[in-house]
Amino acid sequence: MIALEAIHKQFGDIEVLRGVSVRVPERSVTALIGPSGSGKSTLLRCVNLLELPQAGSVTVGANSLEFGAGTRHSRAEILAMRRSTGMVFQNFQLFPHLTVEENVMEGLVTVLRWPRDQARAHARALLDKVGMAAKAEAWPANLSGGQQQRTAIARALAPSPQVLLCDEPTSALDPELAGEVVEVLAQLAREGTTMLMATHDLRLASSIASDVVFLDRGEVVEAGPAQSLFGAPQRERTKQFVASLSA
């Protein structure tokens, strides 16, 4: 479902990604782990082209784009890639002037031109899925962090994307509220949602991910099934990092 091949990305003189390749099978969950500055979030943003790689290729479903010196892609090609993904951000990014229901509806009505009644019914169904139906008329300012993130997940799912991208979805939450979000994501995983997530949350990665990719200094150090990587990592650097997460 997702194939990233030899992705290179740099900002100025800083090379953030150095030929990273990652594959995410359909109906599976892959977690990107690694220290701050390892390139996790940048790699995630390369999938939906919020960041454009300098080299490599990005494939999501039937959409595939190559990047390299002199390569240019049309706005239509980039939008097609973005529309195949849903993005859950670290800090929720809800519209404060819209209710919970309106936040979930907004993209459907404004971008996809759905009739409002159809968009509202779809939004209500998604809010029910993430346990937020009772808060449909609430304002974001009156929600807990966990409730805001669950709303953000419903909004990301609204256009029925092929894959869900999650950038540190629990890092802004205390452990109790993070548990609410972990359970919602776990349910989506059980339903077969294809997910790629960047996270420092060992509970999230170990309980939901089928595969894990450990990044350090813009390179893949080790990758494999979550149970193996967390239980018996092969590389010394991976052992050190996993031990630090468990401490």
C-alpha atoms as a PDB file:
ATOM      1  CA  MET A   1       0.000   0.000   0.000  1.00  0.00           C
ATOM      2  CA  ILE A   2       2.900   2.370   0.799  1.00  0.00           C
ATOM      3  CA  ALA A   3       6.339   2.033  -0.786  1.00  0.00           C
ATOM      4  CA  LEU A   4       9.085   4.558  -0.091  1.00  0.00           C
ATOM      5  CA  GLU A   5      12.252   3.893  -2.058  1.00  0.00           C
ATOM      6  CA  ALA A   6      15.628   5.566  -1.428  1.00  0.00           C
ATOM      7  CA  ILE A   7      14.111   8.773  -0.044  1.00  0.00           C
ATOM      8  CA  HIS A   8      16.535  11.672   0.360  1.00  0.00           C
ATOM      9  CA  LYS A   9      15.557  14.946   1.993  1.00  0.00           C
ATOM     10  CA  GLN A  10      17.668  17.803   3.239  1.00  0.00           C
ATOM     11  CA  PHE A  11      17.021  21.263   4.609  1.00  0.00           C
ATOM     12  CA  GLY A  12      19.875  23.542   3.667  1.00  0.00           C
ATOM     13  CA  ASP A  13      23.089  21.720   4.565  1.00  0.00           C
ATOM     14  CA  ILE A  14      21.335  19.270   6.905  1.00  0.00           C
ATOM     15  CA  GLU A  15      20.616  15.865   5.366  1.00  0.00           C
ATOM     16  CA  VAL A  16      17.564  14.628   7.264  1.00  0.00           C
ATOM     17  CA  LEU A  17      16.829  11.463   5.252  1.00  0.00           C
ATOM     18  CA  ARG A  18      19.611   9.471   3.627  1.00  0.00           C
ATOM     19  CA  GLY A  19      18.175   6.990   1.173  1.00  0.00           C
ATOM     20  CA  VAL A  20      15.398   5.619   3.384  1.00  0.00           C
ATOM     21  CA  SER A  21      13.248   2.754   2.051  1.00  0.00           C
ATOM     22  CA  VAL A  22      10.106   1.562   3.851  1.00  0.00           C
ATOM     23  CA  ARG A  23       7.216  -0.651   2.752  1.00  0.00           C
ATOM     24  CA  VAL A  24       3.837  -0.817   4.466  1.00  0.00           C
ATOM     25  CA  PRO A  25       1.585  -3.703   3.350  1.00  0.00           C
ATOM     26  CA  GLU A  26      -2.137  -3.134   2.967  1.00  0.00           C
ATOM     27  CA  ARG A  27      -4.203  -3.565   6.164  1.00  0.00           C
ATOM     28  CA  SER A  28      -1.093  -3.404   8.365  1.00  0.00           C
ATOM     29  CA  VAL A  29       0.350  -0.892  10.845  1.00  0.00           C
ATOM     30  CA  THR A  30       3.983   0.210  10.736  1.00  0.00           C
ATOM     31  CA  ALA A  31       5.528   2.369  13.460  1.00  0.00           C
ATOM     32  CA  LEU A  32       8.483   4.666  12.834  1.00  0.00           C
ATOM     33  CA  ILE A  33      10.546   5.011  16.017  1.00  0.00           C
ATOM     34  CA  GLY A  34      13.805   6.772  16.775  1.00  0.00           C
ATOM     35  CA  PRO A  35      15.299   9.668  18.718  1.00  0.00           C
ATOM     36  CA  SER A  36      14.284  13.264  18.099  1.00  0.00           C
ATOM     37  CA  GLY A  37      15.831  14.470  14.863  1.00  0.00           C
ATOM     38  CA  SER A  38      16.062  10.985  13.363  1.00  0.00           C
ATOM     39  CA  GLY A  39      13.784  11.887  10.448  1.00  0.00           C
ATOM     40  CA  LYS A  40      10.554  10.128  11.516  1.00  0.00           C
ATOM     41  CA  SER A  41       8.186  13.052  11.025  1.00  0.00           C
ATOM     42  CA  THR A  42       9.930  14.217   7.870  1.00  0.00           C
ATOM     43  CA  LEU A  43       9.595  10.751   6.341  1.00  0.00           C
ATOM     44  CA  LEU A  44       5.921  10.658   7.295  1.00  0.00           C
ATOM     45  CA  ARG A  45       5.359  14.057   5.662  1.00  0.00           C
ATOM     46  CA  CYS A  46       7.083  12.837   2.507  1.00  0.00           C
ATOM     47  CA  VAL A  47       4.345  10.234   2.090  1.00  0.00           C
ATOM     48  CA  ASN A  48       1.643  12.850   1.549  1.00  0.00           C
ATOM     49  CA  LEU A  49       4.097  15.324   0.011  1.00  0.00           C
ATOM     50  CA  LEU A  50       3.806  17.965   2.697  1.00  0.00           C
ATOM     51  CA  GLU A  51       7.564  17.690   2.238  1.00  0.00           C
ATOM     52  CA  LEU A  52       8.893  16.949  -1.252  1.00  0.00           C
ATOM     53  CA  PRO A  53      11.868  14.548  -1.375  1.00  0.00           C
ATOM     54  CA  GLN A  54      14.940  15.589  -3.350  1.00  0.00           C
ATOM     55  CA  ALA A  55      15.350  12.007  -4.588  1.00  0.00           C
ATOM     56  CA  GLY A  56      13.578   8.660  -4.441  1.00  0.00           C
ATOM     57  CA  SER A  57      10.052   7.468  -5.139  1.00  0.00           C
ATOM     58  CA  VAL A  58       6.773   7.546  -3.212  1.00  0.00           C
ATOM     59  CA  THR A  59       3.930   5.121  -3.891  1.00  0.00           C
ATOM     60  CA  VAL A  60       0.554   5.084  -2.149  1.00  0.00           C
ATOM     61  CA  GLY A  61      -1.848   2.591  -3.677  1.00  0.00           C
ATOM     62  CA  ALA A  62      -2.064   3.280  -7.405  1.00  0.00           C
ATOM     63  CA  ASN A  63      -0.352   6.684  -7.137  1.00  0.00           C
ATOM     64  CA  SER A  64       3.418   6.762  -7.649  1.00  0.00           C
ATOM     65  CA  LEU A  65       5.815   9.680  -8.122  1.00  0.00           C
ATOM     66  CA  GLU A  66       9.562   9.764  -8.776  1.00  0.00           C
ATOM     67  CA  PHE A  67      11.816  12.539  -7.475  1.00  0.00           C
ATOM     68  CA  GLY A  68      15.246  13.621  -8.616  1.00  0.00           C
ATOM     69  CA  ALA A  69      17.256  16.461 -10.099  1.00  0.00           C
ATOM     70  CA  GLY A  70      15.048  18.486 -12.433  1.00  0.00           C
ATOM     71  CA  THR A  71      11.900  16.487 -11.622  1.00  0.00           C
ATOM     72  CA  ARG A  72       8.702  18.502 -11.423  1.00  0.00           C
ATOM     73  CA  HIS A  73       5.199  17.315 -10.690  1.00  0.00           C
ATOM     74  CA  SER A  74       1.918  19.062 -11.363  1.00  0.00           C
ATOM     75  CA  ARG A  75      -0.362  20.292  -8.603  1.00  0.00           C
ATOM     76  CA  ALA A  76      -2.911  17.689  -9.745  1.00  0.00           C
ATOM     77  CA  GLU A  77      -0.413  14.852  -9.244  1.00  0.00           C
ATOM     78  CA  ILE A  78       0.498  16.091  -5.770  1.00  0.00           C
ATOM     79  CA  LEU A  79      -3.157  16.555  -4.758  1.00  0.00           C
ATOM     80  CA  ALA A  80      -4.000  13.038  -5.964  1.00  0.00           C
ATOM     81  CA  MET A  81      -1.301  11.659  -3.655  1.00  0.00           C
ATOM     82  CA  ARG A  82      -2.471  13.750  -0.714  1.00  0.00           C
ATOM     83  CA  ARG A  83      -6.097  12.704  -1.170  1.00  0.00           C
ATOM     84  CA  SER A  84      -5.119   9.056  -0.824  1.00  0.00           C
ATOM     85  CA  THR A  85      -3.888   9.769   2.722  1.00  0.00           C
ATOM     86  CA  GLY A  86      -5.370  11.053   5.970  1.00  0.00           C
ATOM     87  CA  MET A  87      -3.111  12.868   8.448  1.00  0.00           C
ATOM     88  CA  VAL A  88      -3.360  13.017  12.245  1.00  0.00           C
ATOM     89  CA  PHE A  89      -1.076  15.694  13.678  1.00  0.00           C
ATOM     90  CA  GLN A  90       0.609  15.905  17.063  1.00  0.00           C
ATOM     91  CA  ASN A  91      -1.266  19.041  18.133  1.00  0.00           C
ATOM     92  CA  PHE A  92      -4.746  18.190  16.811  1.00  0.00           C
ATOM     93  CA  GLN A  93      -5.040  21.197  14.421  1.00  0.00           C
ATOM     94  CA  LEU A  94      -8.810  21.503  14.892  1.00  0.00           C
ATOM     95  CA  PHE A  95     -10.585  24.636  13.671  1.00  0.00           C
ATOM     96  CA  PRO A  96     -11.495  26.505  16.899  1.00  0.00           C
ATOM     97  CA  HIS A  97     -14.480  28.320  15.326  1.00  0.00           C
ATOM     98  CA  LEU A  98     -16.173  25.067  14.236  1.00  0.00           C
ATOM     99  CA  THR A  99     -17.945  22.474  16.358  1.00  0.00           C
ATOM    100  CA  VAL A 100     -16.677  18.899  16.561  1.00  0.00           C
ATOM    101  CA  GLU A 101     -19.160  17.807  13.896  1.00  0.00           C
ATOM    102  CA  GLU A 102     -18.333  20.757  11.652  1.00  0.00           C
ATOM    103  CA  ASN A 103     -14.602  20.002  11.930  1.00  0.00           C
ATOM    104  CA  VAL A 104     -15.210  16.503  10.568  1.00  0.00           C
ATOM    105  CA  MET A 105     -17.579  17.789   7.851  1.00  0.00           C
ATOM    106  CA  GLU A 106     -15.437  20.688   6.649  1.00  0.00           C
ATOM    107  CA  GLY A 107     -13.221  18.866   4.153  1.00  0.00           C
ATOM    108  CA  LEU A 108     -16.129  16.876   2.765  1.00  0.00           C
ATOM    109  CA  VAL A 109     -18.209  19.996   2.097  1.00  0.00           C
ATOM    110  CA  THR A 110     -15.493  22.469   1.073  1.00  0.00           C
ATOM    111  CA  VAL A 111     -13.075  20.229  -0.835  1.00  0.00           C
ATOM    112  CA  LEU A 112     -15.120  17.240  -1.987  1.00  0.00           C
ATOM    113  CA  ARG A 113     -18.368  19.205  -2.438  1.00  0.00           C
ATOM    114  CA  TRP A 114     -20.555  16.734  -0.573  1.00  0.00           C
ATOM    115  CA  PRO A 115     -24.132  17.869   0.250  1.00  0.00           C
ATOM    116  CA  ARG A 116     -24.221  19.055   3.852  1.00  0.00           C
ATOM    117  CA  ASP A 117     -26.773  16.461   4.963  1.00  0.00           C
ATOM    118  CA  GLN A 118     -24.659  13.633   3.541  1.00  0.00           C
ATOM    119  CA  ALA A 119     -21.498  15.059   5.111  1.00  0.00           C
ATOM    120  CA  ARG A 120     -23.235  15.445   8.478  1.00  0.00           C
ATOM    121  CA  ALA A 121     -24.462  11.842   8.484  1.00  0.00           C
ATOM    122  CA  HIS A 122     -20.979  10.579   7.600  1.00  0.00           C
ATOM    123  CA  ALA A 123     -19.400  12.789  10.276  1.00  0.00           C
ATOM    124  CA  ARG A 124     -21.827  11.478  12.910  1.00  0.00           C
ATOM    125  CA  ALA A 125     -20.990   7.875  12.000  1.00  0.00           C
ATOM    126  CA  LEU A 126     -17.259   8.552  12.332  1.00  0.00           C
ATOM    127  CA  LEU A 127     -17.693  10.399  15.615  1.00  0.00           C
ATOM    128  CA  ASP A 128     -19.614   7.399  16.926  1.00  0.00           C
ATOM    129  CA  LYS A 129     -16.722   5.150  15.806  1.00  0.00           C
ATOM    130  CA  VAL A 130     -14.194   7.166  17.849  1.00  0.00           C
ATOM    131  CA  GLY A 131     -16.481   7.598  20.864  1.00  0.00           C
ATOM    132  CA  MET A 132     -17.237  11.283  20.262  1.00  0.00           C
ATOM    133  CA  ALA A 133     -20.894  11.227  19.128  1.00  0.00           C
ATOM    134  CA  ALA A 134     -22.040  12.810  22.400  1.00  0.00           C
ATOM    135  CA  LYS A 135     -19.708  15.772  21.802  1.00  0.00           C
ATOM    136  CA  ALA A 136     -20.773  16.505  18.212  1.00  0.00           C
ATOM    137  CA  GLU A 137     -22.026  20.014  19.059  1.00  0.00           C
ATOM    138  CA  ALA A 138     -19.138  20.884  21.410  1.00  0.00           C
ATOM    139  CA  TRP A 139     -16.411  23.418  20.653  1.00  0.00           C
ATOM    140  CA  PRO A 140     -12.773  22.258  20.559  1.00  0.00           C
ATOM    141  CA  ALA A 141     -11.883  24.583  23.456  1.00  0.00           C
ATOM    142  CA  ASN A 142     -14.282  22.639  25.690  1.00  0.00           C
ATOM    143  CA  LEU A 143     -12.708  19.237  24.958  1.00  0.00           C
ATOM    144  CA  SER A 144      -9.895  17.386  26.680  1.00  0.00           C
ATOM    145  CA  GLY A 145      -6.753  16.689  24.702  1.00  0.00           C
ATOM    146  CA  GLY A 146      -7.795  13.076  24.186  1.00  0.00           C
ATOM    147  CA  GLN A 147     -11.207  14.157  22.899  1.00  0.00           C
ATOM    148  CA  GLN A 148      -9.609  16.647  20.521  1.00  0.00           C
ATOM    149  CA  GLN A 149      -7.284  13.977  19.137  1.00  0.00           C
ATOM    150  CA  ARG A 150     -10.147  11.517  18.664  1.00  0.00           C
ATOM    151  CA  THR A 151     -11.998  14.239  16.753  1.00  0.00           C
ATOM    152  CA  ALA A 152      -8.894  14.791  14.631  1.00  0.00           C
ATOM    153  CA  ILE A 153      -8.783  11.058  13.831  1.00  0.00           C
ATOM    154  CA  ALA A 154     -12.431  11.162  12.726  1.00  0.00           C
ATOM    155  CA  ARG A 155     -11.660  14.156  10.514  1.00  0.00           C
ATOM    156  CA  ALA A 156      -8.695  12.374   8.937  1.00  0.00           C
ATOM    157  CA  LEU A 157     -10.903   9.350   8.197  1.00  0.00           C
ATOM    158  CA  ALA A 158     -13.746  11.417   6.728  1.00  0.00           C
ATOM    159  CA  PRO A 159     -12.684  11.305   3.037  1.00  0.00           C
ATOM    160  CA  SER A 160     -12.038   7.518   3.305  1.00  0.00           C
ATOM    161  CA  PRO A 161      -8.271   7.689   2.638  1.00  0.00           C
ATOM    162  CA  GLN A 162      -6.349   4.595   1.599  1.00  0.00           C
ATOM    163  CA  VAL A 163      -3.869   5.079   4.452  1.00  0.00           C
ATOM    164  CA  LEU A 164      -3.837   6.906   7.772  1.00  0.00           C
ATOM    165  CA  LEU A 165      -0.659   8.781   8.738  1.00  0.00           C
ATOM    166  CA  CYS A 166      -0.172   9.617  12.428  1.00  0.00           C
ATOM    167  CA  ASP A 167       2.551  12.020  13.566  1.00  0.00           C
ATOM    168  CA  GLU A 168       3.184  11.503  17.299  1.00  0.00           C
ATOM    169  CA  PRO A 169      -0.572  11.168  17.973  1.00  0.00           C
ATOM    170  CA  THR A 170      -0.199  10.750  21.752  1.00  0.00           C
ATOM    171  CA  SER A 171       2.841  12.884  22.586  1.00  0.00           C
ATOM    172  CA  ALA A 172       0.842  15.976  23.596  1.00  0.00           C
ATOM    173  CA  LEU A 173      -1.341  13.959  25.996  1.00  0.00           C
ATOM    174  CA  ASP A 174      -0.933  12.735  29.554  1.00  0.00           C
ATOM    175  CA  PRO A 175      -0.921   8.922  29.982  1.00  0.00           C
ATOM    176  CA  GLU A 176      -4.628   8.612  30.820  1.00  0.00           C
ATOM    177  CA  LEU A 177      -5.776  10.673  27.834  1.00  0.00           C
ATOM    178  CA  ALA A 178      -3.226   8.966  25.597  1.00  0.00           C
ATOM    179  CA  GLY A 179      -4.903   5.668  26.491  1.00  0.00           C
ATOM    180  CA  GLU A 180      -8.146   6.878  24.886  1.00  0.00           C
ATOM    181  CA  VAL A 181      -6.346   7.567  21.621  1.00  0.00           C
ATOM    182  CA  VAL A 182      -4.397   4.286  21.714  1.00  0.00           C
ATOM    183  CA  GLU A 183      -7.675   2.372  22.021  1.00  0.00           C
ATOM    184  CA  VAL A 184      -9.229   4.193  19.043  1.00  0.00           C
ATOM    185  CA  LEU A 185      -6.165   3.508  16.891  1.00  0.00           C
ATOM    186  CA  ALA A 186      -6.107  -0.108  18.082  1.00  0.00           C
ATOM    187  CA  GLN A 187      -9.717  -0.514  16.970  1.00  0.00           C
ATOM    188  CA  LEU A 188      -8.892   0.941  13.544  1.00  0.00           C
ATOM    189  CA  ALA A 189      -5.978  -1.501  13.300  1.00  0.00           C
ATOM    190  CA  ARG A 190      -8.289  -4.414  14.148  1.00  0.00           C
ATOM    191  CA  GLU A 191     -10.609  -3.248  11.362  1.00  0.00           C
ATOM    192  CA  GLY A 192      -7.750  -3.407   8.871  1.00  0.00           C
ATOM    193  CA  THR A 193      -6.914   0.286   8.455  1.00  0.00           C
ATOM    194  CA  THR A 194      -3.495   0.723   6.833  1.00  0.00           C
ATOM    195  CA  MET A 195      -1.442   3.004   9.089  1.00  0.00           C
ATOM    196  CA  LEU A 196       2.030   4.500   9.206  1.00  0.00           C
ATOM    197  CA  MET A 197       2.841   6.335  12.419  1.00  0.00           C
ATOM    198  CA  ALA A 198       5.777   8.177  13.903  1.00  0.00           C
ATOM    199  CA  THR A 199       5.833   7.778  17.673  1.00  0.00           C
ATOM    200  CA  HIS A 200       7.879   7.814  20.871  1.00  0.00           C
ATOM    201  CA  ASP A 201       5.050   5.977  22.659  1.00  0.00           C
ATOM    202  CA  LEU A 202       6.216   2.400  23.281  1.00  0.00           C
ATOM    203  CA  ARG A 203       2.732   1.331  24.378  1.00  0.00           C
ATOM    204  CA  LEU A 204       1.257   2.597  21.123  1.00  0.00           C
ATOM    205  CA  ALA A 205       3.947   1.047  18.928  1.00  0.00           C
ATOM    206  CA  SER A 206       4.105  -2.308  20.690  1.00  0.00           C
ATOM    207  CA  SER A 207       0.349  -2.816  21.038  1.00  0.00           C
ATOM    208  CA  ILE A 208      -0.780  -1.669  17.582  1.00  0.00           C
ATOM    209  CA  ALA A 209       2.087  -1.960  15.094  1.00  0.00           C
ATOM    210  CA  SER A 210       2.674  -5.171  13.199  1.00  0.00           C
ATOM    211  CA  ASP A 211       6.043  -3.855  11.992  1.00  0.00           C
ATOM    212  CA  VAL A 212       8.545  -1.324  13.317  1.00  0.00           C
ATOM    213  CA  VAL A 213      11.224   0.742  11.583  1.00  0.00           C
ATOM    214  CA  PHE A 214      13.967   2.235  13.779  1.00  0.00           C
ATOM    215  CA  LEU A 215      15.505   5.383  12.302  1.00  0.00           C
ATOM    216  CA  ASP A 216      18.614   7.173  13.511  1.00  0.00           C
ATOM    217  CA  ARG A 217      20.364  10.107  11.831  1.00  0.00           C
ATOM    218  CA  GLY A 218      18.218   9.785   8.742  1.00  0.00           C
ATOM    219  CA  GLU A 219      18.887   6.100   8.090  1.00  0.00           C
ATOM    220  CA  VAL A 220      17.112   2.816   8.808  1.00  0.00           C
ATOM    221  CA  VAL A 221      19.082   1.048  11.539  1.00  0.00           C
ATOM    222  CA  GLU A 222      16.761  -1.929  11.920  1.00  0.00           C
ATOM    223  CA  ALA A 223      13.305  -2.984  10.741  1.00  0.00           C
ATOM    224  CA  GLY A 224      11.122  -6.008  11.296  1.00  0.00           C
ATOM    225  CA  PRO A 225       8.091  -7.426  13.115  1.00  0.00           C
ATOM    226  CA  ALA A 226       7.233  -5.427  16.221  1.00  0.00           C
ATOM    227  CA  GLN A 227       7.450  -8.412  18.541  1.00  0.00           C
ATOM    228  CA  SER A 228      10.958  -9.262  17.341  1.00  0.00           C
ATOM    229  CA  LEU A 229      12.308  -5.719  17.267  1.00  0.00           C
ATOM    230  CA  PHE A 230      11.046  -4.852  20.741  1.00  0.00           C
ATOM    231  CA  GLY A 231      11.692  -8.291  22.238  1.00  0.00           C
ATOM    232  CA  ALA A 232      15.030  -9.191  20.673  1.00  0.00           C
ATOM    233  CA  PRO A 233      16.575  -6.334  18.674  1.00  0.00           C
ATOM    234  CA  GLN A 234      19.628  -7.301  16.631  1.00  0.00           C
ATOM    235  CA  ARG A 235      21.560  -4.023  16.489  1.00  0.00           C
ATOM    236  CA  GLU A 236      23.264  -2.538  19.538  1.00  0.00           C
ATOM    237  CA  ARG A 237      21.903   0.938  18.744  1.00  0.00           C
ATOM    238  CA  THR A 238      18.371  -0.475  18.623  1.00  0.00           C
ATOM    239  CA  LYS A 239      18.886  -2.233  21.964  1.00  0.00           C
ATOM    240  CA  GLN A 240      19.973   1.044  23.554  1.00  0.00           C
ATOM    241  CA  PHE A 241      16.996   2.957  22.182  1.00  0.00           C
ATOM    242  CA  VAL A 242      14.380   0.334  23.079  1.00  0.00           C
ATOM    243  CA  ALA A 243      15.844   0.170  26.605  1.00  0.00           C
ATOM    244  CA  SER A 244      15.525   3.959  26.908  1.00  0.00           C
ATOM    245  CA  LEU A 245      11.848   3.797  25.885  1.00  0.00           C
ATOM    246  CA  SER A 246      11.162   1.108  28.476  1.00  0.00           C
ATOM    247  CA  ALA A 247      12.918   2.932  31.317  1.00  0.00           C
END
